[in-house]
N, C-alpha and C. Protein backbone atom coordinates (compact mmCIF):
# COMPACT_ATOMS: atom_id res chain seq x y z
N MET A 1 -38.21 36.52 -43.80
CA MET A 1 -37.85 35.46 -42.88
C MET A 1 -38.69 34.23 -43.19
N LYS A 2 -38.04 33.08 -43.22
CA LYS A 2 -38.75 31.88 -43.63
C LYS A 2 -38.53 30.76 -42.62
N LEU A 3 -39.64 30.23 -42.12
CA LEU A 3 -39.64 29.04 -41.28
C LEU A 3 -40.34 27.93 -42.05
N VAL A 4 -39.76 26.74 -42.02
CA VAL A 4 -40.37 25.57 -42.63
C VAL A 4 -40.66 24.59 -41.50
N ALA A 5 -41.92 24.17 -41.39
CA ALA A 5 -42.31 23.28 -40.29
C ALA A 5 -42.98 22.03 -40.85
N GLU A 6 -42.66 20.89 -40.22
CA GLU A 6 -43.24 19.61 -40.63
C GLU A 6 -43.42 18.75 -39.39
N LEU A 7 -44.59 18.19 -39.25
CA LEU A 7 -44.87 17.29 -38.15
C LEU A 7 -44.37 15.90 -38.53
N GLN A 8 -43.43 15.36 -37.73
CA GLN A 8 -42.84 14.04 -37.97
C GLN A 8 -43.12 13.19 -36.74
N GLY A 9 -44.23 12.45 -36.78
CA GLY A 9 -44.64 11.70 -35.60
C GLY A 9 -45.05 12.68 -34.53
N ASP A 10 -44.45 12.59 -33.36
CA ASP A 10 -44.78 13.55 -32.31
C ASP A 10 -43.71 14.63 -32.17
N VAL A 11 -42.89 14.80 -33.22
CA VAL A 11 -41.88 15.86 -33.25
C VAL A 11 -42.28 16.88 -34.31
N LEU A 12 -42.34 18.14 -33.91
CA LEU A 12 -42.53 19.22 -34.86
C LEU A 12 -41.15 19.71 -35.25
N ALA A 13 -40.74 19.39 -36.47
CA ALA A 13 -39.42 19.79 -36.97
C ALA A 13 -39.58 21.13 -37.67
N VAL A 14 -38.83 22.12 -37.19
CA VAL A 14 -38.89 23.48 -37.73
C VAL A 14 -37.49 23.87 -38.18
N ARG A 15 -37.40 24.43 -39.38
CA ARG A 15 -36.11 24.87 -39.91
C ARG A 15 -36.18 26.37 -40.21
N LEU A 16 -35.21 27.10 -39.70
CA LEU A 16 -35.12 28.53 -39.99
C LEU A 16 -34.22 28.70 -41.20
N ASP A 17 -34.80 29.13 -42.31
CA ASP A 17 -34.04 29.32 -43.54
C ASP A 17 -33.60 30.77 -43.68
N GLU A 18 -32.73 31.17 -42.78
CA GLU A 18 -32.17 32.52 -42.77
C GLU A 18 -30.71 32.42 -42.36
N ALA A 19 -29.88 33.32 -42.88
CA ALA A 19 -28.47 33.35 -42.50
C ALA A 19 -28.26 34.08 -41.18
N ARG A 20 -29.22 34.94 -40.81
CA ARG A 20 -29.06 35.75 -39.60
C ARG A 20 -30.32 35.67 -38.74
N LEU A 21 -30.09 35.56 -37.44
CA LEU A 21 -31.17 35.69 -36.46
C LEU A 21 -30.75 36.87 -35.59
N ASP A 22 -31.23 38.05 -35.98
CA ASP A 22 -30.80 39.28 -35.33
C ASP A 22 -31.98 40.22 -35.12
N ALA A 23 -31.70 41.45 -34.74
CA ALA A 23 -32.74 42.42 -34.41
C ALA A 23 -33.71 42.65 -35.57
N ALA A 24 -33.23 42.52 -36.79
CA ALA A 24 -34.07 42.76 -37.95
C ALA A 24 -35.20 41.74 -38.10
N VAL A 25 -35.01 40.53 -37.58
CA VAL A 25 -36.01 39.47 -37.76
C VAL A 25 -36.53 38.88 -36.45
N ALA A 26 -35.99 39.31 -35.31
CA ALA A 26 -36.29 38.66 -34.03
C ALA A 26 -37.78 38.66 -33.70
N THR A 27 -38.45 39.78 -33.84
CA THR A 27 -39.87 39.86 -33.49
C THR A 27 -40.69 38.98 -34.43
N PHE A 28 -40.41 39.04 -35.71
CA PHE A 28 -41.13 38.21 -36.67
C PHE A 28 -40.87 36.74 -36.40
N PHE A 29 -39.62 36.39 -36.05
CA PHE A 29 -39.28 35.00 -35.73
C PHE A 29 -40.13 34.50 -34.57
N LYS A 30 -40.22 35.28 -33.49
CA LYS A 30 -41.03 34.87 -32.33
C LYS A 30 -42.48 34.63 -32.73
N ASP A 31 -43.04 35.56 -33.49
CA ASP A 31 -44.43 35.44 -33.91
C ASP A 31 -44.65 34.21 -34.78
N GLU A 32 -43.74 33.99 -35.71
CA GLU A 32 -43.87 32.84 -36.61
C GLU A 32 -43.68 31.52 -35.86
N MET A 33 -42.75 31.49 -34.92
CA MET A 33 -42.56 30.27 -34.12
C MET A 33 -43.83 29.94 -33.34
N ARG A 34 -44.44 30.93 -32.73
CA ARG A 34 -45.68 30.69 -31.98
C ARG A 34 -46.78 30.18 -32.91
N ARG A 35 -46.81 30.69 -34.13
CA ARG A 35 -47.82 30.26 -35.10
C ARG A 35 -47.59 28.81 -35.52
N VAL A 36 -46.35 28.45 -35.89
CA VAL A 36 -46.10 27.09 -36.37
C VAL A 36 -46.20 26.06 -35.26
N MET A 37 -45.97 26.47 -34.02
CA MET A 37 -46.07 25.51 -32.91
C MET A 37 -47.50 25.03 -32.70
N GLU A 38 -48.46 25.73 -33.27
CA GLU A 38 -49.85 25.30 -33.20
C GLU A 38 -50.10 24.05 -34.04
N LEU A 39 -49.14 23.67 -34.88
CA LEU A 39 -49.29 22.47 -35.70
C LEU A 39 -49.28 21.20 -34.86
N GLY A 40 -48.78 21.30 -33.63
CA GLY A 40 -48.76 20.14 -32.74
C GLY A 40 -47.36 19.62 -32.51
N GLY A 41 -47.31 18.39 -32.06
CA GLY A 41 -46.04 17.75 -31.74
C GLY A 41 -45.72 17.89 -30.27
N ARG A 42 -45.25 16.81 -29.71
CA ARG A 42 -44.90 16.81 -28.29
C ARG A 42 -43.58 17.52 -28.04
N THR A 43 -42.67 17.44 -29.02
CA THR A 43 -41.36 18.09 -28.95
C THR A 43 -41.21 19.00 -30.16
N VAL A 44 -40.58 20.16 -29.96
CA VAL A 44 -40.27 21.05 -31.07
C VAL A 44 -38.76 21.01 -31.28
N LEU A 45 -38.35 20.61 -32.48
CA LEU A 45 -36.94 20.53 -32.85
C LEU A 45 -36.65 21.63 -33.85
N LEU A 46 -35.89 22.64 -33.42
CA LEU A 46 -35.59 23.79 -34.25
C LEU A 46 -34.20 23.65 -34.85
N ASP A 47 -34.15 23.57 -36.18
CA ASP A 47 -32.90 23.44 -36.93
C ASP A 47 -32.39 24.84 -37.28
N LEU A 48 -31.26 25.20 -36.71
CA LEU A 48 -30.64 26.50 -36.98
C LEU A 48 -29.42 26.35 -37.89
N GLY A 49 -29.37 25.29 -38.65
CA GLY A 49 -28.22 24.99 -39.50
C GLY A 49 -27.89 26.03 -40.54
N GLN A 50 -28.87 26.82 -40.97
CA GLN A 50 -28.63 27.86 -41.97
C GLN A 50 -28.16 29.17 -41.34
N VAL A 51 -28.30 29.29 -40.03
CA VAL A 51 -27.99 30.54 -39.33
C VAL A 51 -26.50 30.60 -39.03
N ASP A 52 -25.81 31.59 -39.61
CA ASP A 52 -24.39 31.72 -39.30
C ASP A 52 -24.09 32.96 -38.46
N PHE A 53 -25.13 33.75 -38.14
CA PHE A 53 -24.95 34.89 -37.24
C PHE A 53 -26.19 35.05 -36.37
N MET A 54 -25.96 35.22 -35.06
CA MET A 54 -27.06 35.48 -34.13
C MET A 54 -26.56 36.51 -33.12
N ASP A 55 -27.36 37.56 -32.93
CA ASP A 55 -27.00 38.57 -31.93
C ASP A 55 -27.87 38.40 -30.69
N SER A 56 -27.77 39.34 -29.76
CA SER A 56 -28.51 39.23 -28.50
C SER A 56 -30.02 39.30 -28.73
N SER A 57 -30.46 39.99 -29.76
CA SER A 57 -31.90 40.03 -30.07
C SER A 57 -32.39 38.66 -30.53
N GLY A 58 -31.59 37.99 -31.33
CA GLY A 58 -31.94 36.65 -31.77
C GLY A 58 -31.97 35.67 -30.61
N LEU A 59 -30.98 35.78 -29.73
CA LEU A 59 -30.95 34.92 -28.54
C LEU A 59 -32.16 35.23 -27.66
N GLY A 60 -32.48 36.50 -27.50
CA GLY A 60 -33.65 36.89 -26.72
C GLY A 60 -34.94 36.33 -27.30
N ALA A 61 -35.03 36.30 -28.63
CA ALA A 61 -36.21 35.74 -29.28
C ALA A 61 -36.33 34.25 -28.98
N LEU A 62 -35.21 33.54 -29.01
CA LEU A 62 -35.23 32.11 -28.68
C LEU A 62 -35.63 31.88 -27.23
N ILE A 63 -35.13 32.71 -26.34
CA ILE A 63 -35.49 32.60 -24.93
C ILE A 63 -36.98 32.87 -24.74
N ALA A 64 -37.52 33.87 -25.44
CA ALA A 64 -38.95 34.18 -25.34
C ALA A 64 -39.79 33.00 -25.82
N VAL A 65 -39.38 32.36 -26.90
CA VAL A 65 -40.10 31.18 -27.40
C VAL A 65 -40.04 30.07 -26.37
N LEU A 66 -38.85 29.83 -25.82
CA LEU A 66 -38.69 28.78 -24.81
C LEU A 66 -39.59 29.04 -23.60
N LYS A 67 -39.61 30.27 -23.13
CA LYS A 67 -40.43 30.62 -21.96
C LYS A 67 -41.92 30.49 -22.23
N SER A 68 -42.32 30.65 -23.48
CA SER A 68 -43.74 30.57 -23.82
C SER A 68 -44.26 29.14 -23.91
N MET A 69 -43.34 28.17 -23.90
CA MET A 69 -43.72 26.78 -24.07
C MET A 69 -43.97 26.10 -22.73
N PRO A 70 -44.96 25.22 -22.67
CA PRO A 70 -45.17 24.46 -21.44
C PRO A 70 -43.98 23.53 -21.18
N ARG A 71 -43.71 23.26 -19.90
CA ARG A 71 -42.58 22.40 -19.53
C ARG A 71 -42.64 21.03 -20.19
N GLU A 72 -43.84 20.51 -20.36
CA GLU A 72 -43.98 19.16 -20.93
C GLU A 72 -43.79 19.12 -22.44
N ARG A 73 -43.52 20.28 -23.05
CA ARG A 73 -43.26 20.34 -24.48
C ARG A 73 -41.89 20.98 -24.70
N PRO A 74 -40.86 20.15 -24.78
CA PRO A 74 -39.51 20.69 -24.87
C PRO A 74 -39.20 21.31 -26.24
N LEU A 75 -38.32 22.29 -26.19
CA LEU A 75 -37.75 22.90 -27.39
C LEU A 75 -36.30 22.45 -27.46
N GLU A 76 -35.94 21.80 -28.56
CA GLU A 76 -34.57 21.35 -28.77
C GLU A 76 -34.00 22.04 -29.99
N LEU A 77 -32.72 22.35 -29.95
CA LEU A 77 -32.05 23.03 -31.05
C LEU A 77 -31.07 22.06 -31.70
N LYS A 78 -30.87 22.22 -33.00
CA LYS A 78 -29.87 21.40 -33.69
C LYS A 78 -29.25 22.20 -34.82
N GLY A 79 -28.10 21.74 -35.28
CA GLY A 79 -27.45 22.32 -36.45
C GLY A 79 -26.73 23.63 -36.19
N LEU A 80 -26.35 23.91 -34.96
CA LEU A 80 -25.72 25.18 -34.64
C LEU A 80 -24.36 25.32 -35.32
N GLN A 81 -24.21 26.40 -36.07
CA GLN A 81 -22.93 26.73 -36.69
C GLN A 81 -21.96 27.22 -35.61
N PRO A 82 -20.65 27.17 -35.86
CA PRO A 82 -19.67 27.56 -34.83
C PRO A 82 -19.91 28.94 -34.22
N ASN A 83 -20.25 29.95 -35.04
CA ASN A 83 -20.50 31.29 -34.50
C ASN A 83 -21.70 31.31 -33.57
N VAL A 84 -22.73 30.56 -33.92
CA VAL A 84 -23.94 30.50 -33.09
C VAL A 84 -23.65 29.70 -31.82
N GLN A 85 -22.93 28.60 -31.95
CA GLN A 85 -22.53 27.82 -30.77
C GLN A 85 -21.77 28.69 -29.78
N ARG A 86 -20.91 29.56 -30.30
CA ARG A 86 -20.11 30.44 -29.45
C ARG A 86 -21.00 31.37 -28.64
N VAL A 87 -22.05 31.89 -29.25
CA VAL A 87 -22.99 32.76 -28.54
C VAL A 87 -23.63 32.00 -27.38
N PHE A 88 -24.04 30.77 -27.62
CA PHE A 88 -24.64 29.95 -26.56
C PHE A 88 -23.65 29.66 -25.44
N ARG A 89 -22.41 29.35 -25.80
CA ARG A 89 -21.39 29.06 -24.78
C ARG A 89 -21.05 30.30 -23.95
N LEU A 90 -20.82 31.43 -24.63
CA LEU A 90 -20.41 32.65 -23.93
C LEU A 90 -21.49 33.16 -22.98
N THR A 91 -22.74 32.95 -23.34
CA THR A 91 -23.86 33.42 -22.50
C THR A 91 -24.34 32.34 -21.54
N ARG A 92 -23.72 31.17 -21.64
CA ARG A 92 -24.10 29.99 -20.84
C ARG A 92 -25.53 29.51 -21.12
N MET A 93 -26.06 29.90 -22.24
CA MET A 93 -27.39 29.45 -22.63
C MET A 93 -27.35 28.00 -23.11
N ASP A 94 -26.15 27.47 -23.33
CA ASP A 94 -26.04 26.05 -23.68
C ASP A 94 -26.43 25.17 -22.51
N SER A 95 -26.53 25.75 -21.31
CA SER A 95 -27.00 24.98 -20.15
C SER A 95 -28.50 25.14 -19.95
N VAL A 96 -29.11 26.07 -20.67
CA VAL A 96 -30.55 26.31 -20.57
C VAL A 96 -31.30 25.57 -21.67
N PHE A 97 -30.75 25.60 -22.88
CA PHE A 97 -31.38 24.95 -24.03
C PHE A 97 -30.85 23.53 -24.19
N THR A 98 -31.69 22.65 -24.72
CA THR A 98 -31.26 21.32 -25.13
C THR A 98 -30.73 21.46 -26.54
N ILE A 99 -29.45 21.15 -26.72
CA ILE A 99 -28.83 21.29 -28.03
C ILE A 99 -28.38 19.91 -28.49
N ARG A 100 -29.00 19.46 -29.58
CA ARG A 100 -28.63 18.16 -30.16
C ARG A 100 -27.38 18.32 -30.99
N ASP A 101 -26.62 17.26 -31.07
CA ASP A 101 -25.47 17.33 -31.95
C ASP A 101 -25.97 17.38 -33.38
N ASN A 102 -25.16 17.88 -34.27
CA ASN A 102 -25.58 18.16 -35.64
C ASN A 102 -26.03 16.94 -36.42
N HIS A 103 -25.75 15.76 -35.92
CA HIS A 103 -26.12 14.55 -36.66
C HIS A 103 -27.40 13.91 -36.12
N SER A 104 -27.96 14.46 -35.06
CA SER A 104 -29.18 13.91 -34.47
C SER A 104 -30.38 14.26 -35.34
N LEU A 105 -31.16 13.29 -35.67
CA LEU A 105 -32.35 13.51 -36.48
C LEU A 105 -33.56 13.02 -35.71
N PRO A 106 -34.70 13.69 -35.88
CA PRO A 106 -35.89 13.21 -35.19
C PRO A 106 -36.36 11.90 -35.82
N THR A 107 -36.91 11.04 -34.98
CA THR A 107 -37.49 9.82 -35.48
C THR A 107 -38.92 9.75 -34.99
N ALA A 108 -39.75 9.02 -35.69
CA ALA A 108 -41.13 8.88 -35.28
C ALA A 108 -41.19 8.35 -33.85
N GLY A 109 -41.96 9.01 -33.01
CA GLY A 109 -42.10 8.57 -31.64
C GLY A 109 -41.01 9.06 -30.73
N ALA A 110 -40.04 9.82 -31.26
CA ALA A 110 -38.97 10.33 -30.41
C ALA A 110 -39.48 11.43 -29.51
N ALA A 111 -38.92 11.52 -28.31
CA ALA A 111 -39.34 12.57 -27.39
C ALA A 111 -38.39 13.73 -27.45
């Protein structure tokens, strides 16, 4: 499992370079996300553009990461593929997570 993280101003941009976010990688994903979030940034922007499959374990891992973050440090998602978007819609998690449209990019100083 590979996460790529880069601090861009006050945005920590993180990209998951995996095709699947499922039970096989969920625990490692949570641990790695907690580790990379120590790099700083007021907002964490997680790019899931490479992920074309996510199961309930993957969704649970994202929820665990979200719950572990302070309210003043938002977690935003971007790049959701249609199959992943469907999981968020069916579980109504699209009302819990901030999901940027696929063309939104972080800018220096963005919140």
